[in-house]
Structure formats: C-alpha cells, structure tokens
Amino acid sequence: MRPEIVQAILLLGIVSYACRASGFFLMQYVAATPRVKAWLRSIPVALTGAIVAPLGFNGGPPEWLGFAATAILMRLTANEFLSAIGAVAVVALSRALLS
C-alpha cells in the first residue's frame, strides 16, 4: 500500500476515536432523562438509515427486494439481525438470478 493511504487510514481512525471518546466524556455532564435515553437508543437506527437509504434510491431491483425483505422479516420476527441476514440473502440471490 502507498504511504499516503496508510496515513489517511490512520488519521481517520484517530479522528474517529477522538469523536467517540469525547462523546463519552461529554455525556457525563448530560442528565439521563427519559427523552435523552430515547434519543440515544434511536441513534443507531438513524445512522443505519443514513447509510442504506442512498443504496435504496440508487439501487435496482435486487436492492428494492432486499428492502422489502427487511420490512417483512422485521414485521414477522422483530429481530434486526435476522432481518439484515435475510435482506443480504435476498439481494445476493436476486443478483445471482438476474445476472
């Protein structure tokens, strides 16, 4: 690997760690009200949505089937992990069949 790529990866890792560590440090000064707790519980869902939403908008039929599978599996099982695994399987299978 080129040195500038390794340097960029290391710097991004340091910055990511600094953001996370400063968040933990600053949260000791925030009162853990029910509203704050609800907000903290919703952060992973919001981040996941921000990451996968562009895939749904820019994707094709395999990705759309994956989103549908996720919604159906979440409704049936209420298990995020099973829904994610099922969606990945649906996308992989539909890509294989459409190729």
C-alpha atoms as a PDB file:
ATOM      1  CA  MET A   1       0.000   0.000   0.000  1.00  0.00           C
ATOM      2  CA  ARG A   2       1.069   3.530  -0.649  1.00  0.00           C
ATOM      3  CA  PRO A   3       2.221   5.515   2.394  1.00  0.00           C
ATOM      4  CA  GLU A   4      -0.361   8.275   1.920  1.00  0.00           C
ATOM      5  CA  ILE A   5      -3.174   5.714   2.004  1.00  0.00           C
ATOM      6  CA  VAL A   6      -1.876   4.198   5.233  1.00  0.00           C
ATOM      7  CA  GLN A   7      -1.503   7.699   6.675  1.00  0.00           C
ATOM      8  CA  ALA A   8      -5.070   8.611   5.701  1.00  0.00           C
ATOM      9  CA  ILE A   9      -6.445   5.410   7.262  1.00  0.00           C
ATOM     10  CA  LEU A  10      -4.535   6.008  10.498  1.00  0.00           C
ATOM     11  CA  LEU A  11      -5.613   9.644  10.711  1.00  0.00           C
ATOM     12  CA  LEU A  12      -9.245   8.755  10.090  1.00  0.00           C
ATOM     13  CA  GLY A  13      -9.015   6.119  12.813  1.00  0.00           C
ATOM     14  CA  ILE A  14      -7.554   8.641  15.260  1.00  0.00           C
ATOM     15  CA  VAL A  15     -10.250  11.193  14.457  1.00  0.00           C
ATOM     16  CA  SER A  16     -12.997   8.572  14.798  1.00  0.00           C
ATOM     17  CA  TYR A  17     -11.632   7.513  18.166  1.00  0.00           C
ATOM     18  CA  ALA A  18     -11.359  11.137  19.315  1.00  0.00           C
ATOM     19  CA  CYS A  19     -15.005  11.767  18.380  1.00  0.00           C
ATOM     20  CA  ARG A  20     -16.196   8.695  20.242  1.00  0.00           C
ATOM     21  CA  ALA A  21     -14.030   9.338  23.304  1.00  0.00           C
ATOM     22  CA  SER A  22     -15.085  12.977  23.519  1.00  0.00           C
ATOM     23  CA  GLY A  23     -18.721  11.891  23.266  1.00  0.00           C
ATOM     24  CA  PHE A  24     -18.300   9.544  26.212  1.00  0.00           C
ATOM     25  CA  PHE A  25     -16.524  12.297  28.141  1.00  0.00           C
ATOM     26  CA  LEU A  26     -19.180  14.916  27.412  1.00  0.00           C
ATOM     27  CA  MET A  27     -22.107  12.605  28.182  1.00  0.00           C
ATOM     28  CA  GLN A  28     -21.097  12.505  31.844  1.00  0.00           C
ATOM     29  CA  TYR A  29     -22.376  16.092  32.038  1.00  0.00           C
ATOM     30  CA  VAL A  30     -25.772  15.310  30.460  1.00  0.00           C
ATOM     31  CA  ALA A  31     -28.667  14.261  32.674  1.00  0.00           C
ATOM     32  CA  ALA A  32     -30.039  10.884  31.568  1.00  0.00           C
ATOM     33  CA  THR A  33     -33.697  11.859  31.295  1.00  0.00           C
ATOM     34  CA  PRO A  34     -36.136   9.502  29.528  1.00  0.00           C
ATOM     35  CA  ARG A  35     -36.024  11.784  26.497  1.00  0.00           C
ATOM     36  CA  VAL A  36     -32.210  11.647  26.309  1.00  0.00           C
ATOM     37  CA  LYS A  37     -32.283   7.865  26.711  1.00  0.00           C
ATOM     38  CA  ALA A  38     -34.797   7.564  23.861  1.00  0.00           C
ATOM     39  CA  TRP A  39     -32.614   9.799  21.696  1.00  0.00           C
ATOM     40  CA  LEU A  40     -29.522   7.684  22.401  1.00  0.00           C
ATOM     41  CA  ARG A  41     -31.420   4.476  21.580  1.00  0.00           C
ATOM     42  CA  SER A  42     -32.513   5.919  18.222  1.00  0.00           C
ATOM     43  CA  ILE A  43     -29.049   6.946  17.041  1.00  0.00           C
ATOM     44  CA  PRO A  44     -28.053   3.504  15.626  1.00  0.00           C
ATOM     45  CA  VAL A  45     -31.285   3.310  13.622  1.00  0.00           C
ATOM     46  CA  ALA A  46     -30.765   6.814  12.245  1.00  0.00           C
ATOM     47  CA  LEU A  47     -27.181   6.046  11.235  1.00  0.00           C
ATOM     48  CA  THR A  48     -28.194   2.807   9.571  1.00  0.00           C
ATOM     49  CA  GLY A  49     -30.922   4.626   7.661  1.00  0.00           C
ATOM     50  CA  ALA A  50     -28.490   7.311   6.537  1.00  0.00           C
ATOM     51  CA  ILE A  51     -26.090   4.668   5.265  1.00  0.00           C
ATOM     52  CA  VAL A  52     -28.547   2.387   3.455  1.00  0.00           C
ATOM     53  CA  ALA A  53     -31.075   4.936   2.141  1.00  0.00           C
ATOM     54  CA  PRO A  54     -28.857   6.009  -0.796  1.00  0.00           C
ATOM     55  CA  LEU A  55     -28.475   2.335  -1.724  1.00  0.00           C
ATOM     56  CA  GLY A  56     -32.233   2.025  -1.945  1.00  0.00           C
ATOM     57  CA  PHE A  57     -32.655   5.156  -4.011  1.00  0.00           C
ATOM     58  CA  ASN A  58     -29.732   4.448  -6.350  1.00  0.00           C
ATOM     59  CA  GLY A  59     -30.067   0.657  -6.415  1.00  0.00           C
ATOM     60  CA  GLY A  60     -32.039  -1.563  -8.666  1.00  0.00           C
ATOM     61  CA  PRO A  61     -34.488  -4.426  -8.241  1.00  0.00           C
ATOM     62  CA  PRO A  62     -32.165  -6.568  -6.057  1.00  0.00           C
ATOM     63  CA  GLU A  63     -31.790  -3.763  -3.515  1.00  0.00           C
ATOM     64  CA  TRP A  64     -35.506  -2.976  -3.580  1.00  0.00           C
ATOM     65  CA  LEU A  65     -36.280  -6.650  -2.932  1.00  0.00           C
ATOM     66  CA  GLY A  66     -33.790  -6.526  -0.054  1.00  0.00           C
ATOM     67  CA  PHE A  67     -35.589  -3.561   1.484  1.00  0.00           C
ATOM     68  CA  ALA A  68     -38.913  -5.337   1.112  1.00  0.00           C
ATOM     69  CA  ALA A  69     -37.468  -8.482   2.692  1.00  0.00           C
ATOM     70  CA  THR A  70     -36.164  -6.411   5.602  1.00  0.00           C
ATOM     71  CA  ALA A  71     -39.569  -4.856   6.224  1.00  0.00           C
ATOM     72  CA  ILE A  72     -41.367  -8.199   6.013  1.00  0.00           C
ATOM     73  CA  LEU A  73     -38.873 -10.004   8.229  1.00  0.00           C
ATOM     74  CA  MET A  74     -38.923  -7.224  10.814  1.00  0.00           C
ATOM     75  CA  ARG A  75     -42.718  -7.431  10.918  1.00  0.00           C
ATOM     76  CA  LEU A  76     -42.647 -11.216  11.286  1.00  0.00           C
ATOM     77  CA  THR A  77     -39.679 -11.710  13.626  1.00  0.00           C
ATOM     78  CA  ALA A  78     -38.999  -8.308  15.283  1.00  0.00           C
ATOM     79  CA  ASN A  79     -35.317  -9.259  15.107  1.00  0.00           C
ATOM     80  CA  GLU A  80     -32.945  -6.796  13.431  1.00  0.00           C
ATOM     81  CA  PHE A  81     -30.173  -9.348  12.974  1.00  0.00           C
ATOM     82  CA  LEU A  82     -32.391 -11.918  11.245  1.00  0.00           C
ATOM     83  CA  SER A  83     -33.876  -9.181   9.075  1.00  0.00           C
ATOM     84  CA  ALA A  84     -30.445  -7.971   7.997  1.00  0.00           C
ATOM     85  CA  ILE A  85     -29.239 -11.502   7.225  1.00  0.00           C
ATOM     86  CA  GLY A  86     -32.414 -12.217   5.288  1.00  0.00           C
ATOM     87  CA  ALA A  87     -32.092  -8.995   3.296  1.00  0.00           C
ATOM     88  CA  VAL A  88     -28.480  -9.761   2.394  1.00  0.00           C
ATOM     89  CA  ALA A  89     -29.515 -13.234   1.269  1.00  0.00           C
ATOM     90  CA  VAL A  90     -32.353 -11.847  -0.853  1.00  0.00           C
ATOM     91  CA  VAL A  91     -30.078  -9.273  -2.509  1.00  0.00           C
ATOM     92  CA  ALA A  92     -27.368 -11.864  -3.196  1.00  0.00           C
ATOM     93  CA  LEU A  93     -29.851 -14.395  -4.574  1.00  0.00           C
ATOM     94  CA  SER A  94     -31.656 -11.846  -6.748  1.00  0.00           C
ATOM     95  CA  ARG A  95     -28.345 -10.540  -8.125  1.00  0.00           C
ATOM     96  CA  ALA A  96     -27.299 -14.096  -8.960  1.00  0.00           C
ATOM     97  CA  LEU A  97     -30.603 -14.824 -10.673  1.00  0.00           C
ATOM     98  CA  LEU A  98     -30.695 -11.542 -12.602  1.00  0.00           C
ATOM     99  CA  SER A  99     -27.098 -11.838 -13.853  1.00  0.00           C
END
